[in-house]
Amino acid sequence: GSLEELRGELDAVLRPAALAQAPAGGSAPDGG
Protein backbone atom coordinates (compact mmCIF):
# COMPACT_ATOMS: atom_id res chain seq x y z
CA GLY A 1 0.00 0.00 0.00
CA SER A 2 3.04 2.28 0.06
CA LEU A 3 6.55 2.66 -1.30
CA GLU A 4 8.02 1.24 1.89
CA GLU A 5 5.77 -1.83 1.72
CA LEU A 6 6.64 -2.29 -1.97
CA ARG A 7 10.32 -2.23 -1.12
CA GLY A 8 9.80 -4.82 1.57
CA GLU A 9 7.88 -7.14 -0.74
CA LEU A 10 10.48 -6.82 -3.48
CA ASP A 11 13.29 -7.50 -1.03
CA ALA A 12 11.45 -10.63 0.03
CA VAL A 13 10.79 -12.05 -3.45
CA LEU A 14 13.64 -11.02 -5.71
CA ARG A 15 16.51 -13.43 -6.09
CA PRO A 16 19.72 -12.46 -4.20
CA ALA A 17 21.62 -12.74 -7.49
CA ALA A 18 19.41 -10.09 -9.04
CA LEU A 19 19.85 -7.78 -6.06
CA ALA A 20 23.62 -8.25 -6.18
CA GLN A 21 23.77 -6.84 -9.71
CA ALA A 22 23.12 -3.30 -8.50
CA PRO A 23 26.23 -1.09 -8.58
CA ALA A 24 27.74 -0.36 -5.19
CA GLY A 25 28.18 3.34 -5.92
CA GLY A 26 31.61 3.75 -7.51
CA SER A 27 30.70 4.44 -11.13
CA ALA A 28 27.54 5.04 -13.06
CA PRO A 29 26.11 2.29 -15.31
CA ASP A 30 27.62 4.13 -18.26
CA GLY A 31 31.07 3.93 -16.68
CA GLY A 32 31.37 7.64 -15.98
Full PDB file with SEQRES, HELIX, SHEET, SSBOND, CRYST1, ORIGX, SCALE, CONECT and MASTER records, all heavy atoms in Angstrom:
SEQRES   1 A   32  GLY SER LEU GLU GLU LEU ARG GLY GLU LEU ASP ALA VAL          
SEQRES   2 A   32  LEU ARG PRO ALA ALA LEU ALA GLN ALA PRO ALA GLY GLY          
SEQRES   3 A   32  SER ALA PRO ASP GLY GLY                                      
HELIX    1 AA1 LEU A    3  VAL A   13  1                                  11    
HELIX    2 AA2 PRO A   16  LEU A   19  1                                   4    
CRYST1    1.000    1.000    1.000  90.00  90.00  90.00 P 1           1          
ORIGX1      1.000000  0.000000  0.000000        0.00000                         
ORIGX2      0.000000  1.000000  0.000000        0.00000                         
ORIGX3      0.000000  0.000000  1.000000        0.00000                         
SCALE1      1.000000  0.000000  0.000000        0.00000                         
SCALE2      0.000000  1.000000  0.000000        0.00000                         
SCALE3      0.000000  0.000000  1.000000        0.00000                         
ATOM      1  N   GLY A   1       0.797  -1.220   0.000  1.00  0.00           N  
ATOM      2  CA  GLY A   1       0.000   0.000   0.000  1.00  0.00           C  
ATOM      3  C   GLY A   1       0.828   1.269   0.000  1.00  0.00           C  
ATOM      4  O   GLY A   1       0.282   2.372  -0.022  1.00  0.00           O  
ATOM      5  N   SER A   2       2.163   1.121   0.031  1.00  0.00           N  
ATOM      6  CA  SER A   2       3.042   2.285   0.062  1.00  0.00           C  
ATOM      7  C   SER A   2       4.378   1.912  -0.549  1.00  0.00           C  
ATOM      8  O   SER A   2       4.658   0.735  -0.828  1.00  0.00           O  
ATOM      9  CB  SER A   2       3.257   2.754   1.505  1.00  0.00           C  
ATOM     10  OG  SER A   2       3.984   1.774   2.236  1.00  0.00           O  
ATOM     11  N   LEU A   3       5.219   2.912  -0.758  1.00  0.00           N  
ATOM     12  CA  LEU A   3       6.548   2.661  -1.305  1.00  0.00           C  
ATOM     13  C   LEU A   3       7.363   1.788  -0.365  1.00  0.00           C  
ATOM     14  O   LEU A   3       8.072   0.874  -0.802  1.00  0.00           O  
ATOM     15  CB  LEU A   3       7.273   3.997  -1.537  1.00  0.00           C  
ATOM     16  CG  LEU A   3       8.692   3.911  -2.100  1.00  0.00           C  
ATOM     17  CD1 LEU A   3       8.705   3.254  -3.463  1.00  0.00           C  
ATOM     18  CD2 LEU A   3       9.325   5.300  -2.174  1.00  0.00           C  
ATOM     19  N   GLU A   4       7.262   2.026   0.930  1.00  0.00           N  
ATOM     20  CA  GLU A   4       8.021   1.243   1.890  1.00  0.00           C  
ATOM     21  C   GLU A   4       7.583  -0.224   1.868  1.00  0.00           C  
ATOM     22  O   GLU A   4       8.417  -1.138   1.914  1.00  0.00           O  
ATOM     23  CB  GLU A   4       7.852   1.817   3.304  1.00  0.00           C  
ATOM     24  CG  GLU A   4       8.568   3.131   3.547  1.00  0.00           C  
ATOM     25  CD  GLU A   4       7.910   4.316   2.852  1.00  0.00           C  
ATOM     26  OE1 GLU A   4       6.702   4.195   2.480  1.00  0.00           O  
ATOM     27  OE2 GLU A   4       8.578   5.337   2.668  1.00  0.00           O  
ATOM     28  N   GLU A   5       6.268  -0.457   1.780  1.00  0.00           N  
ATOM     29  CA  GLU A   5       5.775  -1.831   1.722  1.00  0.00           C  
ATOM     30  C   GLU A   5       6.197  -2.498   0.417  1.00  0.00           C  
ATOM     31  O   GLU A   5       6.530  -3.689   0.394  1.00  0.00           O  
ATOM     32  CB  GLU A   5       4.258  -1.850   1.861  1.00  0.00           C  
ATOM     33  CG  GLU A   5       3.776  -1.475   3.254  1.00  0.00           C  
ATOM     34  CD  GLU A   5       2.265  -1.495   3.356  1.00  0.00           C  
ATOM     35  OE1 GLU A   5       1.605  -1.929   2.376  1.00  0.00           O  
ATOM     36  OE2 GLU A   5       1.735  -1.078   4.397  1.00  0.00           O  
ATOM     37  N   LEU A   6       6.197  -1.740  -0.687  1.00  0.00           N  
ATOM     38  CA  LEU A   6       6.635  -2.294  -1.966  1.00  0.00           C  
ATOM     39  C   LEU A   6       8.095  -2.708  -1.898  1.00  0.00           C  
ATOM     40  O   LEU A   6       8.479  -3.780  -2.377  1.00  0.00           O  
ATOM     41  CB  LEU A   6       6.427  -1.267  -3.074  1.00  0.00           C  
ATOM     42  CG  LEU A   6       6.892  -1.678  -4.483  1.00  0.00           C  
ATOM     43  CD1 LEU A   6       6.179  -2.944  -4.938  1.00  0.00           C  
ATOM     44  CD2 LEU A   6       6.665  -0.539  -5.472  1.00  0.00           C  
ATOM     45  N   ARG A   7       8.916  -1.873  -1.286  1.00  0.00           N  
ATOM     46  CA  ARG A   7      10.325  -2.226  -1.117  1.00  0.00           C  
ATOM     47  C   ARG A   7      10.471  -3.513  -0.326  1.00  0.00           C  
ATOM     48  O   ARG A   7      11.269  -4.390  -0.661  1.00  0.00           O  
ATOM     49  CB  ARG A   7      11.063  -1.100  -0.389  1.00  0.00           C  
ATOM     50  CG  ARG A   7      11.366   0.112  -1.229  1.00  0.00           C  
ATOM     51  CD  ARG A   7      12.082   1.128  -0.373  1.00  0.00           C  
ATOM     52  NE  ARG A   7      12.579   2.236  -1.157  1.00  0.00           N  
ATOM     53  CZ  ARG A   7      13.222   3.274  -0.643  1.00  0.00           C  
ATOM     54  NH1 ARG A   7      13.446   3.324   0.653  1.00  0.00           N  
ATOM     55  NH2 ARG A   7      13.647   4.254  -1.410  1.00  0.00           N  
ATOM     56  N   GLY A   8       9.711  -3.630   0.743  1.00  0.00           N  
ATOM     57  CA  GLY A   8       9.798  -4.822   1.574  1.00  0.00           C  
ATOM     58  C   GLY A   8       9.393  -6.073   0.815  1.00  0.00           C  
ATOM     59  O   GLY A   8      10.040  -7.118   0.937  1.00  0.00           O  
ATOM     60  N   GLU A   9       8.321  -5.986   0.030  1.00  0.00           N  
ATOM     61  CA  GLU A   9       7.883  -7.137  -0.742  1.00  0.00           C  
ATOM     62  C   GLU A   9       8.913  -7.520  -1.801  1.00  0.00           C  
ATOM     63  O   GLU A   9       9.194  -8.709  -2.014  1.00  0.00           O  
ATOM     64  CB  GLU A   9       6.524  -6.853  -1.399  1.00  0.00           C  
ATOM     65  CG  GLU A   9       5.377  -6.695  -0.430  1.00  0.00           C  
ATOM     66  CD  GLU A   9       5.092  -7.959   0.355  1.00  0.00           C  
ATOM     67  OE1 GLU A   9       5.506  -9.049  -0.079  1.00  0.00           O  
ATOM     68  OE2 GLU A   9       4.452  -7.871   1.418  1.00  0.00           O  
ATOM     69  N   LEU A  10       9.478  -6.530  -2.461  1.00  0.00           N  
ATOM     70  CA  LEU A  10      10.482  -6.821  -3.483  1.00  0.00           C  
ATOM     71  C   LEU A  10      11.735  -7.428  -2.865  1.00  0.00           C  
ATOM     72  O   LEU A  10      12.343  -8.346  -3.431  1.00  0.00           O  
ATOM     73  CB  LEU A  10      10.828  -5.552  -4.263  1.00  0.00           C  
ATOM     74  CG  LEU A  10       9.750  -5.073  -5.233  1.00  0.00           C  
ATOM     75  CD1 LEU A  10      10.118  -3.716  -5.817  1.00  0.00           C  
ATOM     76  CD2 LEU A  10       9.539  -6.079  -6.356  1.00  0.00           C  
ATOM     77  N   ASP A  11      12.137  -6.921  -1.718  1.00  0.00           N  
ATOM     78  CA  ASP A  11      13.294  -7.495  -1.030  1.00  0.00           C  
ATOM     79  C   ASP A  11      13.039  -8.959  -0.685  1.00  0.00           C  
ATOM     80  O   ASP A  11      13.954  -9.783  -0.688  1.00  0.00           O  
ATOM     81  CB  ASP A  11      13.603  -6.716   0.248  1.00  0.00           C  
ATOM     82  CG  ASP A  11      14.274  -5.383  -0.039  1.00  0.00           C  
ATOM     83  OD1 ASP A  11      14.801  -5.219  -1.149  1.00  0.00           O  
ATOM     84  OD2 ASP A  11      14.261  -4.518   0.846  1.00  0.00           O  
ATOM     85  N   ALA A  12      11.790  -9.272  -0.395  1.00  0.00           N  
ATOM     86  CA  ALA A  12      11.455 -10.633   0.025  1.00  0.00           C  
ATOM     87  C   ALA A  12      11.388 -11.610  -1.146  1.00  0.00           C  
ATOM     88  O   ALA A  12      11.641 -12.803  -0.967  1.00  0.00           O  
ATOM     89  CB  ALA A  12      10.115 -10.630   0.767  1.00  0.00           C  
ATOM     90  N   VAL A  13      11.039 -11.121  -2.350  1.00  0.00           N  
ATOM     91  CA  VAL A  13      10.787 -12.054  -3.448  1.00  0.00           C  
ATOM     92  C   VAL A  13      11.880 -12.092  -4.518  1.00  0.00           C  
ATOM     93  O   VAL A  13      12.021 -13.098  -5.212  1.00  0.00           O  
ATOM     94  CB  VAL A  13       9.434 -11.753  -4.129  1.00  0.00           C  
ATOM     95  CG1 VAL A  13       8.295 -11.806  -3.127  1.00  0.00           C  
ATOM     96  CG2 VAL A  13       9.442 -10.401  -4.836  1.00  0.00           C  
ATOM     97  N   LEU A  14      12.640 -11.020  -4.650  1.00  0.00           N  
ATOM     98  CA  LEU A  14      13.640 -11.016  -5.707  1.00  0.00           C  
ATOM     99  C   LEU A  14      14.829 -11.894  -5.344  1.00  0.00           C  
ATOM    100  O   LEU A  14      15.269 -11.939  -4.195  1.00  0.00           O  
ATOM    101  CB  LEU A  14      14.118  -9.582  -5.986  1.00  0.00           C  
ATOM    102  CG  LEU A  14      13.094  -8.663  -6.646  1.00  0.00           C  
ATOM    103  CD1 LEU A  14      13.677  -7.279  -6.831  1.00  0.00           C  
ATOM    104  CD2 LEU A  14      12.633  -9.214  -7.990  1.00  0.00           C  
ATOM    105  N   ARG A  15      15.371 -12.545  -6.324  1.00  0.00           N  
ATOM    106  CA  ARG A  15      16.514 -13.426  -6.088  1.00  0.00           C  
ATOM    107  C   ARG A  15      17.715 -12.628  -5.626  1.00  0.00           C  
ATOM    108  O   ARG A  15      17.991 -11.539  -6.127  1.00  0.00           O  
ATOM    109  CB  ARG A  15      16.882 -14.165  -7.379  1.00  0.00           C  
ATOM    110  CG  ARG A  15      15.822 -15.117  -7.865  1.00  0.00           C  
ATOM    111  CD  ARG A  15      16.392 -16.028  -8.939  1.00  0.00           C  
ATOM    112  NE  ARG A  15      16.986 -15.292 -10.021  1.00  0.00           N  
ATOM    113  CZ  ARG A  15      16.368 -15.007 -11.153  1.00  0.00           C  
ATOM    114  NH1 ARG A  15      15.115 -15.378 -11.306  1.00  0.00           N  
ATOM    115  NH2 ARG A  15      16.984 -14.360 -12.117  1.00  0.00           N  
ATOM    116  N   PRO A  16      18.502 -13.152  -4.658  1.00  0.00           N  
ATOM    117  CA  PRO A  16      19.717 -12.465  -4.202  1.00  0.00           C  
ATOM    118  C   PRO A  16      20.664 -12.141  -5.342  1.00  0.00           C  
ATOM    119  O   PRO A  16      21.304 -11.094  -5.341  1.00  0.00           O  
ATOM    120  CB  PRO A  16      20.339 -13.477  -3.235  1.00  0.00           C  
ATOM    121  CG  PRO A  16      19.191 -14.275  -2.734  1.00  0.00           C  
ATOM    122  CD  PRO A  16      18.252 -14.384  -3.899  1.00  0.00           C  
ATOM    123  N   ALA A  17      20.726 -13.010  -6.345  1.00  0.00           N  
ATOM    124  CA  ALA A  17      21.617 -12.744  -7.485  1.00  0.00           C  
ATOM    125  C   ALA A  17      21.195 -11.494  -8.230  1.00  0.00           C  
ATOM    126  O   ALA A  17      22.032 -10.721  -8.698  1.00  0.00           O  
ATOM    127  CB  ALA A  17      21.625 -13.938  -8.425  1.00  0.00           C  
ATOM    128  N   ALA A  18      19.876 -11.279  -8.338  1.00  0.00           N  
ATOM    129  CA  ALA A  18      19.410 -10.089  -9.044  1.00  0.00           C  
ATOM    130  C   ALA A  18      19.722  -8.838  -8.235  1.00  0.00           C  
ATOM    131  O   ALA A  18      20.118  -7.807  -8.780  1.00  0.00           O  
ATOM    132  CB  ALA A  18      17.901 -10.191  -9.284  1.00  0.00           C  
ATOM    133  N   LEU A  19      19.552  -8.932  -6.896  1.00  0.00           N  
ATOM    134  CA  LEU A  19      19.851  -7.780  -6.063  1.00  0.00           C  
ATOM    135  C   LEU A  19      21.333  -7.447  -6.083  1.00  0.00           C  
ATOM    136  O   LEU A  19      21.726  -6.288  -5.997  1.00  0.00           O  
ATOM    137  CB  LEU A  19      19.408  -8.065  -4.623  1.00  0.00           C  
ATOM    138  CG  LEU A  19      17.902  -8.211  -4.409  1.00  0.00           C  
ATOM    139  CD1 LEU A  19      17.628  -8.608  -2.971  1.00  0.00           C  
ATOM    140  CD2 LEU A  19      17.174  -6.944  -4.777  1.00  0.00           C  
ATOM    141  N   ALA A  20      22.172  -8.459  -6.210  1.00  0.00           N  
ATOM    142  CA  ALA A  20      23.616  -8.247  -6.184  1.00  0.00           C  
ATOM    143  C   ALA A  20      24.141  -7.557  -7.428  1.00  0.00           C  
ATOM    144  O   ALA A  20      25.266  -7.081  -7.458  1.00  0.00           O  
ATOM    145  CB  ALA A  20      24.323  -9.588  -6.010  1.00  0.00           C  
ATOM    146  N   GLN A  21      23.318  -7.472  -8.484  1.00  0.00           N  
ATOM    147  CA  GLN A  21      23.767  -6.840  -9.714  1.00  0.00           C  
ATOM    148  C   GLN A  21      23.788  -5.320  -9.629  1.00  0.00           C  
ATOM    149  O   GLN A  21      24.371  -4.654 -10.472  1.00  0.00           O  
ATOM    150  CB  GLN A  21      22.855  -7.255 -10.879  1.00  0.00           C  
ATOM    151  CG  GLN A  21      22.978  -8.726 -11.226  1.00  0.00           C  
ATOM    152  CD  GLN A  21      21.996  -9.128 -12.292  1.00  0.00           C  
ATOM    153  OE1 GLN A  21      21.215  -8.308 -12.787  1.00  0.00           O  
ATOM    154  NE2 GLN A  21      22.018 -10.397 -12.679  1.00  0.00           N  
ATOM    155  N   ALA A  22      23.148  -4.761  -8.615  1.00  0.00           N  
ATOM    156  CA  ALA A  22      23.117  -3.302  -8.496  1.00  0.00           C  
ATOM    157  C   ALA A  22      24.508  -2.767  -8.201  1.00  0.00           C  
ATOM    158  O   ALA A  22      25.241  -3.320  -7.382  1.00  0.00           O  
ATOM    159  CB  ALA A  22      22.163  -2.889  -7.359  1.00  0.00           C  
ATOM    160  N   PRO A  23      24.916  -1.661  -8.850  1.00  0.00           N  
ATOM    161  CA  PRO A  23      26.230  -1.092  -8.583  1.00  0.00           C  
ATOM    162  C   PRO A  23      26.345  -0.642  -7.133  1.00  0.00           C  
ATOM    163  O   PRO A  23      25.376  -0.214  -6.528  1.00  0.00           O  
ATOM    164  CB  PRO A  23      26.291   0.119  -9.522  1.00  0.00           C  
ATOM    165  CG  PRO A  23      25.178  -0.044 -10.485  1.00  0.00           C  
ATOM    166  CD  PRO A  23      24.171  -0.946  -9.863  1.00  0.00           C  
ATOM    167  N   ALA A  24      27.533  -0.718  -6.591  1.00  0.00           N  
ATOM    168  CA  ALA A  24      27.743  -0.361  -5.185  1.00  0.00           C  
ATOM    169  C   ALA A  24      27.920   1.130  -4.988  1.00  0.00           C  
ATOM    170  O   ALA A  24      27.919   1.610  -3.884  1.00  0.00           O  
ATOM    171  CB  ALA A  24      28.966  -1.093  -4.657  1.00  0.00           C  
ATOM    172  N   GLY A  25      28.111   1.887  -6.064  1.00  0.00           N  
ATOM    173  CA  GLY A  25      28.182   3.337  -5.920  1.00  0.00           C  
ATOM    174  C   GLY A  25      29.457   3.943  -6.416  1.00  0.00           C  
ATOM    175  O   GLY A  25      29.657   5.141  -6.280  1.00  0.00           O  
ATOM    176  N   GLY A  26      30.348   3.177  -7.025  1.00  0.00           N  
ATOM    177  CA  GLY A  26      31.606   3.747  -7.513  1.00  0.00           C  
ATOM    178  C   GLY A  26      31.446   4.477  -8.811  1.00  0.00           C  
ATOM    179  O   GLY A  26      31.799   5.629  -8.938  1.00  0.00           O  
ATOM    180  N   SER A  27      30.895   3.824  -9.837  1.00  0.00           N  
ATOM    181  CA  SER A  27      30.705   4.444 -11.130  1.00  0.00           C  
ATOM    182  C   SER A  27      29.276   4.287 -11.570  1.00  0.00           C  
ATOM    183  O   SER A  27      28.584   3.412 -11.138  1.00  0.00           O  
ATOM    184  CB  SER A  27      31.571   3.836 -12.213  1.00  0.00           C  
ATOM    185  OG  SER A  27      32.680   3.222 -11.787  1.00  0.00           O  
ATOM    186  N   ALA A  28      28.879   5.122 -12.494  1.00  0.00           N  
ATOM    187  CA  ALA A  28      27.540   5.035 -13.057  1.00  0.00           C  
ATOM    188  C   ALA A  28      27.474   3.863 -14.005  1.00  0.00           C  
ATOM    189  O   ALA A  28      28.476   3.348 -14.447  1.00  0.00           O  
ATOM    190  CB  ALA A  28      27.215   6.322 -13.812  1.00  0.00           C  
ATOM    191  N   PRO A  29      26.230   3.388 -14.374  1.00  0.00           N  
ATOM    192  CA  PRO A  29      26.106   2.294 -15.307  1.00  0.00           C  
ATOM    193  C   PRO A  29      26.794   2.570 -16.634  1.00  0.00           C  
ATOM    194  O   PRO A  29      27.148   1.664 -17.346  1.00  0.00           O  
ATOM    195  CB  PRO A  29      24.579   2.170 -15.487  1.00  0.00           C  
ATOM    196  CG  PRO A  29      24.007   2.701 -14.223  1.00  0.00           C  
ATOM    197  CD  PRO A  29      24.952   3.798 -13.803  1.00  0.00           C  
ATOM    198  N   ASP A  30      26.974   3.826 -16.993  1.00  0.00           N  
ATOM    199  CA  ASP A  30      27.623   4.130 -18.262  1.00  0.00           C  
ATOM    200  C   ASP A  30      29.138   4.226 -18.105  1.00  0.00           C  
ATOM    201  O   ASP A  30      29.850   4.580 -19.028  1.00  0.00           O  
ATOM    202  CB  ASP A  30      27.091   5.447 -18.850  1.00  0.00           C  
ATOM    203  CG  ASP A  30      27.371   6.647 -17.953  1.00  0.00           C  
ATOM    204  OD1 ASP A  30      27.921   6.459 -16.847  1.00  0.00           O  
ATOM    205  OD2 ASP A  30      27.054   7.769 -18.358  1.00  0.00           O  
ATOM    206  N   GLY A  31      29.631   3.940 -16.894  1.00  0.00           N  
ATOM    207  CA  GLY A  31      31.066   3.928 -16.684  1.00  0.00           C  
ATOM    208  C   GLY A  31      31.657   5.278 -16.385  1.00  0.00           C  
ATOM    209  O   GLY A  31      32.867   5.419 -16.293  1.00  0.00           O  
ATOM    210  N   GLY A  32      30.831   6.312 -16.230  1.00  0.00           N  
ATOM    211  CA  GLY A  32      31.367   7.644 -15.981  1.00  0.00           C  
ATOM    212  C   GLY A  32      32.049   7.724 -14.635  1.00  0.00           C  
ATOM    213  O   GLY A  32      31.532   7.231 -13.641  1.00  0.00           O  
TER     214      GLY A  32                                                      
MASTER        0    0    0    2    0    0    0    6  213    1    0    3          
END                                                                             
